[in-house]
Amino acid sequence: MISNFKKPNQLLATCIMAVSVLTAVELVISPALADETCVSPYMPKITGQEDFVYVWTLGAEGVGDEQDKLVTVDSNPKSKTYGKVVSTVSVGGRNEAHHAGFTDDRQYLWASGLDTSKIFIFDVHTNPQKPVLTKTITDFVAKSGGVVGPHSIYALPGVMMMTGLSNNKDHGGRTGLVEYTNAGDYVATHWTPVDGALQGAEKTGSFADGYGYDVRALPRRNLMLTSSFTGWSNYMMDFGKMLKDPEAMKRFGSTVVEWNLHTKQPKKVFDVPGAPLEIRCALESNHNYCFTSTALTSKIWLIYADKKGQWQAKDVADIGVPSQIPLPVDISIQSDDKLLWVNTFMDGKTRAFDISDPFKPKQVFEQKIGAQVNMVSSSWDGKRLYFTSSLLANWDKKGVDNEQFLKAYNWDGAALKEQFSIDFTKEKLGRAHQMLFGAYALYGANKPVELPKEQIKK
């Protein structure tokens, strides 16, 4: 079993062999984030019908203007433009568009590029249908003291907390958390603990790799968690070339870090081998646990408070057949803490796990979404799910399997029924990555007034 390996080089060597067998069908491992059930607890939520899906999209060579862009899609079934693109904002060039997040007042959307480390700030409240680019941060690396690749963008009161994926010294996985004010001013960098610089953290296992990926918080427990992935030298490399590079394949994270939310001090470093990606925390007030999944080992992990109130990490379920490397990517928890959605890129499927007992997740549903699938976003009421396709520009599948889409489904508790699909290549938009929701209800007075037909002047 892959999970029995103790050394990262043994684990990754096994993954190389397993994935190499599958290269003919262009399989990839995936970094993947965002839906209404995983947004920061400090911001207002859309508990009813969302009006828009904002898709942070990678520019693709030979497709449209070839630029990264924020694509706005009408997602309200009562709208005349339901399922259609209603606006786009291109940002200039290709920056490896990846993840995005709202400020705590939900008036601005921050979106980042993993290659250039630029951050683009959009006004989404003045006219939610037509976001406007208001500011571009171009000195993130210099201000942060060398952090490269801003990834997860997470709202805390008055500030934006961002994970990095890399650094400007060796372009490896050593990185940190970076704070900015909502106005776009640098505040502080918090380096992830490593051997020799644990910063007071307890190393609970073999690893203290200093890698980063996602960040989530449980304010009621003063808890912040970060996960780990890989650095710039890997995520910007051609996937096939990386597979053949033994040194590159050693450079994947194996840790989840517990932080003191208020002081931003690291407290524990947990061994979670196999590149733990997204973190999704339970939403019920008495549920003190979070989930993550590991891309290389195909496991669901539980980070939980034990009977003494101490945080622990435990693998609790397999995703598909781990030996076949299904490559889990994005995950999404439903607001009642009863279901966890897990996407696997290899087979283009989404799987639903019953997590009523968080220590014993059980798969209860699966469905193929496309030739490749990455991200999944769930509405607060759990009735709507959205999926996108792209991982990284150099890691997406090739040829006919390079499907680029946004797909919307209704979920009735037993089946997914497709509502609309947008082909991002056909529409000359690019590679669809992260999704976030918008709604007029957040900014009441801004919703356009539609006149009765008899009052419209011809």
Protein backbone atom coordinates (compact mmCIF):
# COMPACT_ATOMS: atom_id res chain seq x y z
CA MET A 1 0.00 0.00 0.00
CA ILE A 2 1.29 3.50 -0.81
CA SER A 3 0.27 4.75 2.61
CA ASN A 4 2.78 2.40 4.28
CA PHE A 5 5.82 4.20 2.89
CA LYS A 6 7.69 6.25 5.47
CA LYS A 7 10.16 8.12 3.26
CA PRO A 8 9.04 10.73 0.71
CA ASN A 9 11.46 9.47 -1.96
CA GLN A 10 9.97 5.97 -1.71
CA LEU A 11 6.44 7.37 -1.91
CA LEU A 12 7.19 9.57 -4.89
CA ALA A 13 9.17 6.88 -6.70
CA THR A 14 6.10 4.67 -6.49
CA CYS A 15 3.91 7.48 -7.80
CA ILE A 16 6.32 8.08 -10.70
CA MET A 17 6.10 4.47 -11.76
CA ALA A 18 2.31 4.35 -11.41
CA VAL A 19 1.69 7.58 -13.27
CA SER A 20 4.29 6.85 -15.93
CA VAL A 21 2.23 3.83 -16.98
CA LEU A 22 -0.64 6.21 -17.62
CA THR A 23 1.16 8.99 -19.48
CA ALA A 24 -0.24 7.82 -22.80
CA VAL A 25 -3.61 9.19 -21.76
CA GLU A 26 -2.10 12.41 -20.40
CA LEU A 27 -2.92 11.96 -16.70
CA VAL A 28 -1.82 14.62 -14.26
CA ILE A 29 -1.72 15.43 -10.59
CA SER A 30 -3.50 18.57 -9.65
CA PRO A 31 -3.34 21.57 -7.55
CA ALA A 32 -6.84 22.77 -7.41
CA LEU A 33 -10.63 26.08 -4.48
CA ALA A 34 -13.68 27.93 -3.75
CA ASP A 35 -17.36 27.66 -3.13
CA GLU A 36 -19.98 29.16 -0.84
CA THR A 37 -19.41 26.56 1.87
CA CYS A 38 -15.68 27.23 2.09
CA VAL A 39 -15.51 31.02 2.02
CA SER A 40 -14.14 32.81 5.05
CA PRO A 41 -16.44 32.83 8.10
CA TYR A 42 -15.77 36.57 8.38
CA MET A 43 -17.67 37.45 5.20
CA PRO A 44 -21.38 37.47 4.32
CA LYS A 45 -22.61 34.34 2.56
CA ILE A 46 -25.06 33.77 -0.26
CA THR A 47 -27.56 31.43 1.36
CA GLY A 48 -30.12 31.77 -1.44
CA GLN A 49 -29.79 31.72 -5.22
CA GLU A 50 -26.49 32.99 -6.58
CA ASP A 51 -26.82 35.34 -9.56
CA PHE A 52 -23.34 34.95 -11.01
CA VAL A 53 -20.38 32.61 -11.16
CA TYR A 54 -17.05 34.41 -11.49
CA VAL A 55 -14.50 32.19 -13.25
CA TRP A 56 -10.82 33.13 -12.97
CA THR A 57 -9.55 31.91 -16.33
CA LEU A 58 -6.10 31.19 -17.76
CA GLY A 59 -5.27 32.74 -21.08
CA ALA A 60 -4.40 30.12 -23.68
CA GLU A 61 -2.14 30.56 -26.68
CA GLY A 62 -4.17 30.89 -29.86
CA VAL A 63 -7.47 31.27 -27.97
CA GLY A 64 -9.20 34.67 -28.13
CA ASP A 65 -7.03 37.49 -26.79
CA GLU A 66 -4.77 34.88 -25.09
CA GLN A 67 -4.97 36.80 -21.79
CA ASP A 68 -5.97 35.74 -18.29
CA LYS A 69 -9.43 37.08 -17.52
CA LEU A 70 -12.29 37.19 -15.06
CA VAL A 71 -15.34 35.69 -16.76
CA THR A 72 -18.81 36.41 -15.35
CA VAL A 73 -21.55 33.89 -16.04
CA ASP A 74 -25.25 34.41 -15.29
CA SER A 75 -26.31 31.57 -12.97
CA ASN A 76 -29.85 32.64 -12.02
CA PRO A 77 -32.42 30.37 -13.75
CA LYS A 78 -34.94 33.23 -13.74
CA SER A 79 -32.65 35.47 -15.77
CA LYS A 80 -32.97 35.96 -19.52
CA THR A 81 -29.23 35.36 -19.88
CA TYR A 82 -29.09 32.26 -17.68
CA GLY A 83 -26.10 30.06 -18.48
CA LYS A 84 -24.47 32.75 -20.64
CA VAL A 85 -21.29 34.79 -20.31
CA VAL A 86 -22.35 38.36 -19.48
CA SER A 87 -18.95 40.04 -19.12
CA THR A 88 -15.20 39.46 -19.25
CA VAL A 89 -12.26 41.49 -17.94
CA SER A 90 -8.85 40.68 -19.40
CA VAL A 91 -5.82 41.59 -17.27
CA GLY A 92 -2.98 41.56 -19.80
CA GLY A 93 -0.75 38.62 -20.58
CA ARG A 94 -0.71 35.12 -19.13
CA ASN A 95 0.16 35.00 -15.44
CA GLU A 96 -0.91 31.41 -14.70
CA ALA A 97 -4.28 32.54 -13.33
CA HIS A 98 -5.22 30.25 -10.49
CA HIS A 99 -7.10 31.17 -7.30
CA ALA A 100 -9.11 34.10 -6.03
CA GLY A 101 -10.94 35.30 -2.92
CA PHE A 102 -13.20 38.08 -1.65
CA THR A 103 -12.40 40.70 0.97
CA ASP A 104 -14.27 40.31 4.25
CA ASP A 105 -16.92 42.82 3.12
CA ARG A 106 -17.22 40.91 -0.15
CA GLN A 107 -16.93 44.09 -2.17
CA TYR A 108 -13.65 43.24 -3.88
CA LEU A 109 -12.34 40.07 -5.49
CA TRP A 110 -8.60 39.41 -5.39
CA ALA A 111 -7.19 37.04 -8.04
CA SER A 112 -3.60 35.89 -8.39
CA GLY A 113 -1.14 34.54 -10.95
CA LEU A 114 1.17 31.70 -9.92
CA ASP A 115 3.83 32.56 -12.50
CA THR A 116 4.17 36.34 -12.30
CA SER A 117 2.98 36.63 -8.67
CA LYS A 118 0.76 39.53 -9.71
CA ILE A 119 -2.49 40.13 -7.83
CA PHE A 120 -5.49 41.65 -9.58
CA ILE A 121 -8.19 43.39 -7.53
CA PHE A 122 -11.70 43.69 -8.99
CA ASP A 123 -14.65 45.79 -7.81
CA VAL A 124 -17.56 43.33 -7.76
CA HIS A 125 -20.05 45.36 -5.73
CA THR A 126 -20.70 48.46 -7.85
CA ASN A 127 -22.12 46.30 -10.64
CA PRO A 128 -21.89 42.56 -9.82
CA GLN A 129 -22.63 41.69 -13.45
CA LYS A 130 -19.65 43.67 -14.72
CA PRO A 131 -16.62 43.55 -12.39
CA VAL A 132 -13.98 46.22 -12.93
CA LEU A 133 -10.24 45.85 -12.43
CA THR A 134 -9.28 48.58 -9.94
CA LYS A 135 -5.74 47.72 -8.87
CA THR A 136 -2.84 45.43 -9.77
CA ILE A 137 -0.19 44.51 -7.19
CA THR A 138 3.10 43.90 -9.02
CA ASP A 139 5.61 43.89 -6.13
CA PHE A 140 4.28 40.96 -4.09
CA VAL A 141 7.61 39.07 -4.17
CA ALA A 142 9.67 42.07 -3.06
CA LYS A 143 7.24 43.17 -0.36
CA SER A 144 6.85 39.67 1.08
CA GLY A 145 10.57 39.07 1.36
CA GLY A 146 10.75 36.50 -1.40
CA VAL A 147 7.46 34.59 -1.41
CA VAL A 148 6.50 33.47 -4.93
CA GLY A 149 3.20 32.18 -6.30
CA PRO A 150 0.32 33.62 -4.22
CA HIS A 151 -2.23 30.82 -4.09
CA SER A 152 -5.16 30.75 -1.66
CA ILE A 153 -6.57 34.20 -0.87
CA TYR A 154 -8.53 34.16 2.37
CA ALA A 155 -10.33 36.98 4.18
CA LEU A 156 -9.59 37.74 7.82
CA PRO A 157 -10.95 40.88 9.51
CA GLY A 158 -9.62 43.82 7.50
CA VAL A 159 -6.85 41.80 5.87
CA MET A 160 -6.25 39.25 3.14
CA MET A 161 -4.19 36.20 4.10
CA MET A 162 -2.44 34.53 1.19
CA THR A 163 -0.50 31.31 0.98
CA GLY A 164 2.57 31.11 -1.22
CA LEU A 165 3.72 28.10 -3.20
CA SER A 166 7.38 29.00 -3.68
CA ASN A 167 10.26 31.42 -3.10
CA ASN A 168 12.62 33.51 -5.23
CA LYS A 169 15.85 31.90 -3.99
CA ASP A 170 15.57 28.37 -5.38
CA HIS A 171 11.99 28.36 -6.77
CA GLY A 172 11.33 25.32 -4.56
CA GLY A 173 8.51 24.69 -2.11
CA ARG A 174 9.85 26.63 0.90
CA THR A 175 7.37 29.47 1.39
CA GLY A 176 5.09 31.34 3.79
CA LEU A 177 1.83 33.14 4.51
CA VAL A 178 1.55 36.78 3.46
CA GLU A 179 -0.85 39.39 4.88
CA TYR A 180 -2.15 42.45 3.05
CA THR A 181 -4.73 45.03 4.08
CA ASN A 182 -7.98 45.17 2.14
CA ALA A 183 -6.63 48.33 0.54
CA GLY A 184 -3.74 46.38 -0.94
CA ASP A 185 -0.91 47.32 1.43
CA TYR A 186 1.62 44.76 2.67
CA VAL A 187 1.42 43.85 6.37
CA ALA A 188 3.57 40.82 7.22
CA THR A 189 5.09 37.51 6.12
CA HIS A 190 4.82 34.39 8.27
CA TRP A 191 7.28 31.73 7.11
CA THR A 192 6.16 28.12 7.29
CA PRO A 193 8.22 26.13 9.85
CA VAL A 194 11.10 23.91 8.70
CA ASP A 195 13.73 21.82 10.44
CA GLY A 196 16.15 24.25 12.04
CA ALA A 197 13.52 27.01 12.07
CA LEU A 198 10.44 25.50 13.70
CA GLN A 199 9.58 28.86 15.33
CA GLY A 200 8.33 27.11 18.45
CA ALA A 201 6.16 24.61 16.58
CA GLU A 202 6.03 20.96 17.57
CA LYS A 203 7.12 18.57 14.84
CA THR A 204 4.82 15.59 15.34
CA GLY A 205 6.31 13.29 12.69
CA SER A 206 9.08 13.05 10.11
CA PHE A 207 8.47 16.18 8.05
CA ALA A 208 8.78 19.94 8.41
CA ASP A 209 9.09 20.86 4.75
CA GLY A 210 7.99 24.50 4.86
CA TYR A 211 5.70 24.05 1.86
CA GLY A 212 2.38 25.84 1.35
CA TYR A 213 -0.89 25.51 -0.55
CA ASP A 214 -4.26 26.22 1.10
CA VAL A 215 -5.33 28.08 4.27
CA ARG A 216 -8.53 27.84 6.32
CA ALA A 217 -9.62 28.98 9.79
CA LEU A 218 -11.93 27.93 12.63
CA PRO A 219 -12.19 31.18 14.61
CA ARG A 220 -14.12 29.62 17.52
CA ARG A 221 -11.10 27.40 18.17
CA ASN A 222 -8.44 30.00 17.35
CA LEU A 223 -7.27 27.61 14.63
CA MET A 224 -5.69 28.24 11.26
CA LEU A 225 -4.48 25.38 9.04
CA THR A 226 -2.23 25.33 5.98
CA SER A 227 -1.51 22.47 3.58
CA SER A 228 1.37 21.87 1.14
CA PHE A 229 2.05 21.22 -2.54
CA THR A 230 5.12 22.10 -4.65
CA GLY A 231 7.20 25.03 -5.88
CA TRP A 232 7.47 27.17 -9.01
CA SER A 233 10.14 24.95 -10.58
CA ASN A 234 7.60 22.10 -10.64
CA TYR A 235 4.24 23.75 -11.26
CA MET A 236 5.60 25.75 -14.21
CA MET A 237 7.38 22.72 -15.71
CA ASP A 238 5.99 20.60 -18.52
CA PHE A 239 4.28 17.69 -16.81
CA GLY A 240 5.92 14.98 -18.90
CA LYS A 241 9.36 16.46 -18.28
CA MET A 242 8.70 16.66 -14.55
CA LEU A 243 7.68 12.99 -14.41
CA LYS A 244 11.05 12.03 -15.86
CA ASP A 245 13.00 14.18 -13.38
CA PRO A 246 13.63 12.17 -10.16
CA GLU A 247 14.72 15.27 -8.26
CA ALA A 248 11.59 17.18 -9.25
CA MET A 249 9.41 14.31 -8.08
CA LYS A 250 10.94 14.53 -4.62
CA ARG A 251 9.76 18.12 -4.28
CA PHE A 252 6.16 17.67 -3.08
CA GLY A 253 4.78 18.63 0.32
CA SER A 254 3.92 16.18 3.08
CA THR A 255 2.57 18.42 5.84
CA VAL A 256 -0.36 20.26 7.34
CA VAL A 257 0.51 23.01 9.82
CA GLU A 258 -1.58 24.13 12.79
CA TRP A 259 -1.29 27.89 13.47
CA ASN A 260 -2.55 30.14 16.23
CA LEU A 261 -5.10 32.18 14.28
CA HIS A 262 -4.69 35.36 16.34
CA THR A 263 -0.91 35.46 16.76
CA LYS A 264 -0.07 33.74 13.45
CA GLN A 265 2.42 31.52 15.24
CA PRO A 266 2.84 27.90 14.06
CA LYS A 267 2.00 25.33 16.75
CA LYS A 268 2.20 21.84 15.19
CA VAL A 269 3.49 20.29 11.99
CA PHE A 270 1.56 17.13 11.03
CA ASP A 271 2.77 14.42 8.66
CA VAL A 272 0.24 14.20 5.81
CA PRO A 273 2.26 12.52 3.04
CA GLY A 274 1.28 12.81 -0.58
CA ALA A 275 0.65 16.54 -1.22
CA PRO A 276 -2.42 17.58 0.83
CA LEU A 277 -4.34 20.16 -1.16
CA GLU A 278 -7.64 21.92 -0.30
CA ILE A 279 -8.74 22.22 3.33
CA ARG A 280 -12.48 22.28 4.09
CA CYS A 281 -13.66 22.85 7.66
CA ALA A 282 -16.92 21.69 9.21
CA LEU A 283 -19.57 24.37 9.53
CA GLU A 284 -21.71 23.24 12.47
CA SER A 285 -20.69 25.01 15.70
CA ASN A 286 -20.00 21.77 17.57
CA HIS A 287 -18.02 20.14 14.76
CA ASN A 288 -14.35 20.73 15.42
CA TYR A 289 -12.68 19.18 12.41
CA CYS A 290 -11.51 19.83 8.87
CA PHE A 291 -10.82 17.64 5.84
CA THR A 292 -8.11 17.58 3.22
CA SER A 293 -7.19 15.13 0.46
CA THR A 294 -3.79 13.99 -0.79
CA ALA A 295 -3.13 14.07 -4.53
CA LEU A 296 -0.38 11.46 -4.62
CA THR A 297 -1.80 8.93 -2.17
CA SER A 298 -5.54 9.35 -2.84
CA LYS A 299 -6.56 9.65 0.80
CA ILE A 300 -9.08 11.73 2.74
CA TRP A 301 -7.48 13.09 5.90
CA LEU A 302 -9.24 14.39 8.99
CA ILE A 303 -7.72 17.16 11.14
CA TYR A 304 -9.64 17.01 14.41
CA ALA A 305 -9.61 18.05 18.07
CA ASP A 306 -9.17 15.06 20.38
CA LYS A 307 -10.80 14.65 23.81
CA LYS A 308 -8.10 16.86 25.35
CA GLY A 309 -8.69 19.59 22.79
CA GLN A 310 -5.43 18.87 21.00
CA TRP A 311 -5.38 18.81 17.21
CA GLN A 312 -4.50 15.57 15.46
CA ALA A 313 -4.28 14.31 11.87
CA LYS A 314 -5.55 10.93 10.62
CA ASP A 315 -6.20 9.38 7.22
CA VAL A 316 -9.79 8.17 7.25
CA ALA A 317 -10.72 6.97 3.74
CA ASP A 318 -9.45 5.99 0.31
CA ILE A 319 -10.54 7.88 -2.78
CA GLY A 320 -11.21 5.37 -5.54
CA VAL A 321 -8.40 2.82 -5.78
CA PRO A 322 -5.21 4.55 -4.57
CA SER A 323 -2.91 2.17 -6.45
CA GLN A 324 -4.48 3.41 -9.69
CA ILE A 325 -3.63 7.03 -8.80
CA PRO A 326 -7.08 8.60 -9.35
CA LEU A 327 -5.49 11.97 -8.52
CA PRO A 328 -7.97 13.74 -6.21
CA VAL A 329 -8.03 17.48 -6.73
CA ASP A 330 -10.64 19.90 -5.37
CA ILE A 331 -13.07 19.05 -2.54
CA SER A 332 -16.24 20.75 -1.28
CA ILE A 333 -18.13 20.23 1.98
CA GLN A 334 -21.90 20.75 2.19
CA SER A 335 -23.18 23.24 4.76
CA ASP A 336 -24.86 20.54 6.88
CA ASP A 337 -21.52 18.68 7.23
CA LYS A 338 -23.06 15.50 5.85
CA LEU A 339 -21.49 15.27 2.41
CA LEU A 340 -18.01 15.85 0.98
CA TRP A 341 -17.55 16.17 -2.77
CA VAL A 342 -14.20 15.00 -4.15
CA ASN A 343 -13.07 15.51 -7.75
CA THR A 344 -10.52 13.18 -9.37
CA PHE A 345 -8.77 14.46 -12.44
CA MET A 346 -7.62 11.14 -13.88
CA ASP A 347 -11.09 9.79 -14.63
CA GLY A 348 -12.90 13.14 -14.80
CA LYS A 349 -15.24 12.11 -11.99
CA THR A 350 -16.79 13.68 -8.95
CA ARG A 351 -17.45 11.49 -5.93
CA ALA A 352 -19.68 12.18 -2.92
CA PHE A 353 -18.74 10.85 0.52
CA ASP A 354 -21.13 10.56 3.44
CA ILE A 355 -19.22 12.23 6.29
CA SER A 356 -21.91 11.97 8.97
CA ASP A 357 -19.21 10.09 10.88
CA PRO A 358 -16.10 12.14 9.98
CA PHE A 359 -13.83 9.27 11.05
CA LYS A 360 -15.50 6.89 8.56
CA PRO A 361 -16.34 8.63 5.27
CA LYS A 362 -18.24 6.38 2.87
CA GLN A 363 -18.57 6.94 -0.85
CA VAL A 364 -22.25 7.12 -1.80
CA PHE A 365 -22.18 8.57 -5.33
CA GLU A 366 -19.97 9.12 -8.35
CA GLN A 367 -20.43 10.59 -11.82
CA LYS A 368 -18.16 11.42 -14.74
CA ILE A 369 -18.10 15.16 -15.48
CA GLY A 370 -15.67 15.30 -18.39
CA ALA A 371 -12.37 14.09 -19.83
CA GLN A 372 -10.74 16.20 -17.14
CA VAL A 373 -12.23 17.93 -14.12
CA ASN A 374 -10.61 20.04 -11.45
CA MET A 375 -12.67 22.34 -9.29
CA VAL A 376 -16.09 21.93 -7.66
CA SER A 377 -18.18 24.67 -6.07
CA SER A 378 -21.33 24.09 -4.04
CA SER A 379 -24.17 26.47 -3.23
CA TRP A 380 -24.98 26.98 0.45
CA ASP A 381 -28.24 25.02 0.20
CA GLY A 382 -26.41 22.13 -1.49
CA LYS A 383 -28.78 22.10 -4.46
CA ARG A 384 -26.35 23.36 -7.11
CA LEU A 385 -22.84 22.26 -8.05
CA TYR A 386 -20.48 23.82 -10.56
CA PHE A 387 -17.38 22.26 -12.12
CA THR A 388 -14.40 23.57 -14.09
CA SER A 389 -11.65 21.79 -15.95
CA SER A 390 -8.19 23.38 -15.85
CA LEU A 391 -5.31 22.55 -13.49
CA LEU A 392 -2.23 24.35 -14.77
CA ALA A 393 -1.35 25.46 -18.29
CA ASN A 394 1.47 22.92 -18.58
CA TRP A 395 -0.39 20.12 -16.80
CA ASP A 396 -3.77 20.02 -18.56
CA LYS A 397 -4.47 17.06 -20.83
CA LYS A 398 -3.63 17.29 -24.51
CA GLY A 399 -5.61 16.83 -27.71
CA VAL A 400 -9.30 15.96 -27.54
CA ASP A 401 -9.07 15.42 -23.76
CA ASN A 402 -8.13 19.06 -23.24
CA GLU A 403 -11.72 20.00 -22.51
CA GLN A 404 -12.13 23.48 -21.02
CA PHE A 405 -15.53 24.15 -19.50
CA LEU A 406 -17.83 25.45 -16.82
CA LYS A 407 -20.67 23.01 -16.09
CA ALA A 408 -23.64 23.59 -13.78
CA TYR A 409 -25.69 20.82 -12.17
CA ASN A 410 -28.68 20.50 -9.86
CA TRP A 411 -28.35 17.99 -7.01
CA ASP A 412 -31.49 16.42 -5.53
CA GLY A 413 -29.72 14.22 -3.01
CA ALA A 414 -29.57 11.27 -5.34
CA ALA A 415 -28.52 12.46 -8.81
CA LEU A 416 -26.74 15.29 -10.62
CA LYS A 417 -28.67 16.82 -13.54
CA GLU A 418 -26.77 19.11 -15.90
CA GLN A 419 -28.32 22.57 -16.32
CA PHE A 420 -25.87 24.28 -18.64
CA SER A 421 -22.37 23.93 -20.01
CA ILE A 422 -20.04 26.54 -21.50
CA ASP A 423 -17.19 25.45 -23.77
CA PHE A 424 -14.44 27.92 -22.86
CA THR A 425 -12.35 27.00 -25.90
CA LYS A 426 -15.22 27.42 -28.34
CA GLU A 427 -16.16 30.73 -26.72
CA LYS A 428 -12.49 31.85 -27.03
CA LEU A 429 -12.15 32.41 -23.29
CA GLY A 430 -9.27 30.14 -22.27
CA ARG A 431 -8.84 27.56 -19.49
CA ALA A 432 -11.52 27.68 -16.80
CA HIS A 433 -10.13 27.40 -13.27
CA GLN A 434 -11.52 28.84 -10.04
CA MET A 435 -15.16 29.73 -9.40
CA LEU A 436 -16.67 32.14 -6.90
CA PHE A 437 -20.28 33.29 -6.57
CA GLY A 438 -21.86 36.71 -6.79
CA ALA A 439 -25.36 37.91 -5.91
CA TYR A 440 -27.31 41.15 -6.06
CA ALA A 441 -28.68 40.31 -2.60
CA LEU A 442 -25.28 41.19 -1.13
CA TYR A 443 -25.61 44.75 -2.44
CA GLY A 444 -29.40 45.14 -2.50
CA ALA A 445 -29.81 48.51 -4.18
CA ASN A 446 -27.53 47.63 -7.09
CA LYS A 447 -29.86 45.13 -8.72
CA PRO A 448 -31.08 46.53 -12.06
CA VAL A 449 -34.76 47.34 -12.29
CA GLU A 450 -36.48 45.64 -15.21
CA LEU A 451 -39.39 47.67 -16.55
CA PRO A 452 -42.63 45.95 -17.57
CA LYS A 453 -42.74 45.29 -21.31
CA GLU A 454 -45.48 47.88 -21.83
CA GLN A 455 -43.24 50.58 -20.33
CA ILE A 456 -40.23 49.87 -22.51
CA LYS A 457 -39.90 52.50 -25.24
CA LYS A 458 -39.56 51.06 -28.71
